[in-house]
N, C-alpha and C. Protein backbone atom coordinates (compact mmCIF):
# COMPACT_ATOMS: atom_id res chain seq x y z
N UNK A 1 23.94 -14.05 -4.40
CA UNK A 1 23.55 -12.90 -3.72
C UNK A 1 22.90 -13.06 -2.40
N UNK A 2 22.94 -12.10 -1.48
CA UNK A 2 22.57 -12.12 -0.39
C UNK A 2 21.06 -11.51 0.19
N UNK A 3 20.29 -12.32 -0.04
CA UNK A 3 18.67 -11.93 0.50
C UNK A 3 18.51 -10.49 1.34
N UNK A 4 17.97 -9.70 0.79
CA UNK A 4 17.22 -8.58 1.16
C UNK A 4 16.96 -8.90 2.63
N UNK A 5 17.39 -8.09 3.49
CA UNK A 5 16.69 -8.12 4.82
C UNK A 5 15.35 -6.62 5.15
N UNK A 6 15.54 -6.11 4.04
CA UNK A 6 14.30 -4.60 4.15
C UNK A 6 13.40 -4.83 3.07
N UNK A 7 12.54 -4.27 3.28
CA UNK A 7 11.00 -4.54 2.56
C UNK A 7 10.21 -2.95 2.86
N UNK A 8 10.33 -2.46 1.37
CA UNK A 8 9.66 -1.10 1.43
C UNK A 8 8.26 -1.23 1.13
N UNK A 9 7.15 -0.50 1.77
CA UNK A 9 5.99 -0.31 1.16
C UNK A 9 6.00 0.53 -0.03
N UNK A 10 4.65 0.09 -0.68
CA UNK A 10 4.86 0.74 -2.23
C UNK A 10 4.52 2.32 -2.03
N UNK A 11 3.99 2.90 -0.80
CA UNK A 11 4.26 3.95 -0.57
C UNK A 11 5.29 4.93 -0.26
N UNK A 12 6.29 4.02 0.08
CA UNK A 12 7.93 4.13 0.56
C UNK A 12 8.61 4.32 -1.16
N UNK A 13 8.03 3.20 -1.59
CA UNK A 13 9.09 3.21 -2.75
C UNK A 13 8.52 4.54 -3.98
N UNK A 14 7.29 4.57 -4.08
CA UNK A 14 7.00 6.44 -4.72
C UNK A 14 7.69 7.20 -4.52
N UNK A 15 8.00 7.57 -3.18
CA UNK A 15 8.68 8.69 -2.64
C UNK A 15 10.13 8.41 -3.14
N UNK A 16 10.77 7.28 -2.83
CA UNK A 16 12.02 7.01 -3.12
C UNK A 16 12.45 7.00 -4.44
N UNK A 17 11.52 6.63 -5.30
CA UNK A 17 12.20 6.82 -7.02
C UNK A 17 11.48 7.72 -7.82
N UNK A 18 10.40 8.73 -6.80
CA UNK A 18 9.79 9.55 -7.56
C UNK A 18 8.63 8.87 -9.10
N UNK A 19 8.32 8.35 -8.51
CA UNK A 19 7.32 7.80 -9.40
C UNK A 19 5.43 7.84 -8.62
N UNK A 20 4.50 7.91 -9.43
CA UNK A 20 3.37 7.96 -8.92
C UNK A 20 2.85 6.87 -8.32
N UNK A 21 2.20 6.69 -6.92
CA UNK A 21 2.08 5.72 -6.49
C UNK A 21 0.77 4.74 -7.22
N UNK A 22 0.00 5.06 -7.62
CA UNK A 22 -1.08 4.65 -8.46
C UNK A 22 -0.49 3.97 -9.86
N UNK A 23 0.35 4.22 -10.04
CA UNK A 23 1.04 3.72 -11.23
C UNK A 23 1.86 2.32 -10.73
N UNK A 24 2.52 2.60 -9.63
CA UNK A 24 3.18 1.36 -8.95
C UNK A 24 2.20 0.21 -8.46
N UNK A 25 1.38 0.86 -8.08
CA UNK A 25 0.14 -0.37 -7.28
C UNK A 25 -0.65 -0.95 -8.50
N UNK A 26 -0.51 -0.11 -9.59
CA UNK A 26 -1.14 -1.25 -11.04
C UNK A 26 -0.20 -1.97 -11.65
N UNK A 27 1.35 -1.47 -11.59
CA UNK A 27 2.51 -2.25 -12.17
C UNK A 27 2.15 -3.64 -10.98
N UNK A 28 2.26 -3.41 -9.80
CA UNK A 28 2.65 -4.81 -9.11
C UNK A 28 1.20 -5.59 -8.99
N UNK A 29 0.30 -4.89 -9.50
CA UNK A 29 -1.24 -5.73 -9.28
C UNK A 29 -1.21 -6.96 -9.73
N UNK A 30 0.12 -6.95 -10.94
CA UNK A 30 0.34 -8.39 -11.33
C UNK A 30 1.72 -8.85 -11.08
N UNK A 31 1.79 -9.96 -10.42
CA UNK A 31 2.97 -10.22 -9.55
C UNK A 31 3.98 -10.93 -10.63
N UNK A 32 3.38 -10.83 -11.85
CA UNK A 32 4.72 -11.81 -12.95
C UNK A 32 4.92 -10.26 -13.28
N UNK A 33 4.87 -8.84 -13.23
CA UNK A 33 5.85 -7.78 -13.28
C UNK A 33 6.92 -7.91 -12.53
N UNK A 34 7.35 -8.36 -11.45
CA UNK A 34 8.15 -8.19 -10.29
C UNK A 34 8.61 -9.96 -10.22
N UNK A 35 10.16 -9.91 -10.21
CA UNK A 35 10.69 -11.16 -10.11
C UNK A 35 10.21 -12.12 -8.67
N UNK A 36 10.07 -13.29 -8.66
CA UNK A 36 9.65 -14.00 -7.61
C UNK A 36 10.37 -13.68 -6.60
N UNK A 37 9.56 -13.48 -5.76
CA UNK A 37 10.11 -13.59 -4.17
C UNK A 37 10.51 -11.96 -3.64
N UNK A 38 10.41 -11.11 -4.77
CA UNK A 38 10.68 -9.56 -4.79
C UNK A 38 9.63 -8.59 -4.07
N UNK A 39 8.37 -9.45 -4.37
CA UNK A 39 6.85 -8.62 -3.95
C UNK A 39 6.75 -9.52 -2.82
N UNK A 40 6.28 -8.56 -1.74
CA UNK A 40 6.04 -9.48 -0.65
C UNK A 40 4.39 -9.02 -0.51
N UNK A 41 3.73 -9.51 0.17
CA UNK A 41 2.55 -9.54 1.02
C UNK A 41 2.90 -9.02 2.66
N UNK A 42 2.32 -8.11 3.17
CA UNK A 42 2.79 -7.57 4.35
C UNK A 42 1.53 -7.69 5.26
N UNK A 43 1.47 -8.43 6.49
CA UNK A 43 0.32 -8.41 7.24
C UNK A 43 0.29 -7.09 8.16
N UNK A 44 -0.50 -6.12 8.39
CA UNK A 44 -0.14 -4.72 9.09
C UNK A 44 -1.65 -4.57 9.99
N UNK A 45 -2.30 -5.88 9.76
CA UNK A 45 -3.64 -5.40 10.90
C UNK A 45 -4.95 -5.09 9.97
N UNK A 46 -4.62 -4.38 9.03
CA UNK A 46 -5.98 -4.26 7.81
C UNK A 46 -6.49 -5.74 7.27
N UNK A 47 -7.67 -5.69 6.67
CA UNK A 47 -8.18 -6.94 6.28
C UNK A 47 -7.17 -7.11 5.12
N UNK A 48 -6.37 -6.52 4.11
CA UNK A 48 -6.03 -6.83 3.20
C UNK A 48 -4.21 -6.78 3.40
N UNK A 49 -4.04 -5.99 4.28
CA UNK A 49 -2.47 -6.21 4.38
C UNK A 49 -2.04 -5.04 3.41
N UNK A 50 -0.81 -4.86 2.98
CA UNK A 50 0.11 -3.86 2.38
C UNK A 50 1.14 -4.79 1.22
N UNK A 51 1.36 -4.47 0.21
CA UNK A 51 2.32 -5.19 -0.55
C UNK A 51 3.52 -4.33 -0.17
N UNK A 52 4.75 -4.91 -0.31
CA UNK A 52 6.29 -4.39 -0.02
C UNK A 52 7.26 -4.75 -1.13
N UNK A 53 8.37 -4.16 -1.29
CA UNK A 53 9.70 -4.72 -2.40
C UNK A 53 10.72 -4.78 -1.67
N UNK A 54 11.18 -5.53 -2.28
CA UNK A 54 12.86 -5.81 -1.86
C UNK A 54 13.65 -4.70 -2.39
N UNK A 55 14.91 -4.75 -1.97
CA UNK A 55 15.53 -3.88 -2.81
C UNK A 55 15.64 -4.35 -4.48
N UNK A 56 15.91 -5.76 -4.70
CA UNK A 56 16.06 -5.96 -5.97
C UNK A 56 14.18 -6.00 -6.60
N UNK A 57 13.38 -5.87 -6.03
CA UNK A 57 12.68 -5.67 -6.94
C UNK A 57 12.01 -4.18 -7.25
N UNK A 58 12.89 -3.26 -6.22
CA UNK A 58 12.61 -1.98 -6.88
C UNK A 58 13.35 -1.80 -7.51
N UNK A 59 14.66 -2.42 -7.65
CA UNK A 59 15.38 -2.43 -9.29
C UNK A 59 14.31 -2.94 -10.39
N UNK A 60 13.87 -4.14 -10.48
CA UNK A 60 12.84 -4.75 -11.35
C UNK A 60 11.85 -3.68 -11.47
N UNK A 61 11.30 -2.93 -10.49
CA UNK A 61 10.17 -2.30 -11.00
C UNK A 61 10.59 -0.70 -12.00
N UNK A 62 11.83 -0.50 -11.63
CA UNK A 62 12.40 0.94 -12.04
C UNK A 62 12.47 0.07 -13.75
N UNK A 63 13.40 -0.61 -13.56
CA UNK A 63 13.28 -1.30 -15.30
C UNK A 63 12.03 -1.72 -16.10
N UNK A 64 11.12 -2.15 -15.69
CA UNK A 64 9.81 -2.24 -16.10
C UNK A 64 9.28 -0.65 -16.50
N UNK A 65 9.28 0.02 -15.91
CA UNK A 65 8.64 1.35 -15.82
C UNK A 65 9.68 2.03 -16.93
N UNK A 66 10.81 1.46 -16.87
CA UNK A 66 11.45 2.29 -18.03
C UNK A 66 11.68 1.90 -19.32
N UNK A 67 11.43 0.58 -19.19
CA UNK A 67 10.80 -0.13 -20.51
C UNK A 67 9.61 0.15 -21.15
N UNK A 68 8.32 0.00 -19.97
CA UNK A 68 6.64 0.70 -20.67
C UNK A 68 6.92 1.89 -21.39
N UNK A 69 7.87 2.74 -20.97
CA UNK A 69 8.20 4.21 -21.37
C UNK A 69 8.45 3.89 -22.91
N UNK A 70 9.20 3.04 -23.30
CA UNK A 70 9.70 2.93 -24.70
C UNK A 70 8.29 2.33 -25.62
N UNK A 71 7.43 1.65 -25.04
CA UNK A 71 6.59 0.85 -25.93
C UNK A 71 5.37 2.13 -26.49
N UNK A 72 5.32 1.79 -27.42
CA UNK A 72 4.30 2.76 -28.63
C UNK A 72 2.75 2.93 -27.18
N UNK A 73 2.60 4.27 -27.40
CA UNK A 73 1.85 4.53 -26.19
C UNK A 73 2.19 5.15 -24.60
N UNK A 74 3.33 4.19 -24.60
CA UNK A 74 4.11 4.07 -23.24
C UNK A 74 2.91 4.05 -21.86
N UNK A 75 3.33 4.59 -21.18
CA UNK A 75 2.57 4.69 -19.52
C UNK A 75 1.27 4.61 -19.67
N UNK A 76 0.52 5.33 -20.95
CA UNK A 76 -0.99 5.69 -21.01
C UNK A 76 -1.55 4.38 -21.53
N UNK A 77 -0.70 3.79 -22.40
CA UNK A 77 -1.31 2.44 -23.29
C UNK A 77 -1.23 1.27 -22.20
N UNK A 78 -0.39 1.25 -21.49
CA UNK A 78 -0.06 0.33 -20.47
C UNK A 78 -1.45 0.38 -19.27
N UNK A 79 -1.65 1.45 -19.16
CA UNK A 79 -2.74 1.67 -17.97
C UNK A 79 -3.97 1.23 -18.83
N UNK A 80 -4.35 1.74 -20.12
CA UNK A 80 -5.72 1.65 -20.78
C UNK A 80 -5.42 -0.01 -21.19
N UNK A 81 -4.47 -0.54 -21.46
CA UNK A 81 -4.51 -2.03 -21.69
C UNK A 81 -4.84 -2.65 -20.14
N UNK A 82 -4.43 -2.34 -18.98
CA UNK A 82 -5.05 -2.79 -17.81
C UNK A 82 -6.14 -2.18 -17.53
N UNK A 83 -7.05 -1.99 -18.34
CA UNK A 83 -8.34 -1.17 -18.10
C UNK A 83 -8.66 -0.57 -16.75
N UNK A 84 -7.95 0.46 -16.37
CA UNK A 84 -7.82 1.50 -15.61
C UNK A 84 -8.93 2.37 -15.90
N UNK A 85 -9.24 3.03 -14.63
CA UNK A 85 -10.14 3.85 -14.27
C UNK A 85 -9.53 5.17 -15.01
N UNK A 86 -10.12 5.81 -16.11
CA UNK A 86 -10.15 6.90 -16.88
C UNK A 86 -9.30 7.95 -15.85
N UNK A 87 -10.04 8.61 -14.73
CA UNK A 87 -9.63 9.56 -13.97
C UNK A 87 -8.23 8.93 -13.24
N UNK A 88 -8.18 8.01 -13.09
CA UNK A 88 -6.40 7.35 -12.60
C UNK A 88 -5.77 7.55 -13.52
N UNK A 89 -6.13 7.32 -14.74
CA UNK A 89 -5.11 7.51 -15.97
C UNK A 89 -4.57 8.72 -16.09
N UNK A 90 -5.90 9.82 -15.92
CA UNK A 90 -5.27 11.30 -16.19
C UNK A 90 -4.57 11.46 -14.92
N UNK A 91 -4.44 10.93 -13.85
CA UNK A 91 -3.80 11.56 -12.47
C UNK A 91 -2.63 11.16 -12.69
N UNK A 92 -2.43 10.00 -13.23
CA UNK A 92 -0.77 9.27 -13.49
C UNK A 92 -0.30 10.13 -14.57
N UNK A 93 -1.15 10.41 -16.19
CA UNK A 93 -0.44 11.29 -16.75
C UNK A 93 0.22 12.74 -16.94
N UNK A 94 -0.92 13.39 -15.50
CA UNK A 94 -0.40 14.38 -14.91
C UNK A 94 0.93 14.47 -14.24
N UNK A 95 0.94 13.45 -13.68
CA UNK A 95 2.43 13.19 -12.84
C UNK A 95 3.50 12.73 -13.97
N UNK A 96 3.10 12.11 -14.95
CA UNK A 96 3.81 12.08 -16.27
C UNK A 96 4.64 13.05 -16.61
N UNK A 97 3.96 14.24 -16.81
CA UNK A 97 4.47 15.37 -17.62
C UNK A 97 5.14 15.95 -16.79
N UNK A 98 4.58 16.49 -15.21
CA UNK A 98 5.55 17.00 -14.32
C UNK A 98 6.86 16.36 -14.25
N UNK A 99 7.07 14.86 -14.31
CA UNK A 99 8.12 14.08 -14.28
C UNK A 99 9.47 14.53 -15.41
N UNK A 100 8.57 14.75 -16.33
CA UNK A 100 9.23 14.92 -18.04
C UNK A 100 9.73 16.41 -17.69
N UNK A 101 9.59 17.45 -16.61
CA UNK A 101 9.78 18.83 -16.97
C UNK A 101 11.19 18.82 -16.26
């Protein structure tokens, strides 16, 4: 399979697939969640740069999020297990409710 020539910032990915940016940032915080080479770090002049995903990485992300939603406790439990800030969890869960309507 040909290598993707495009890299999408996490912000763009969130918009493209209709997911909460904070959720995507949390999922991609662990590079083991996305296939090797599909999550990249982009230098953008800032101290930390930014993360980006290839098209295959976006597919991996979609699959993982769909899988997480089937787990006991779903997205909320995933975020609790990752020891996320309670306020962030509530923001993500508010988006989850909107998403399901």
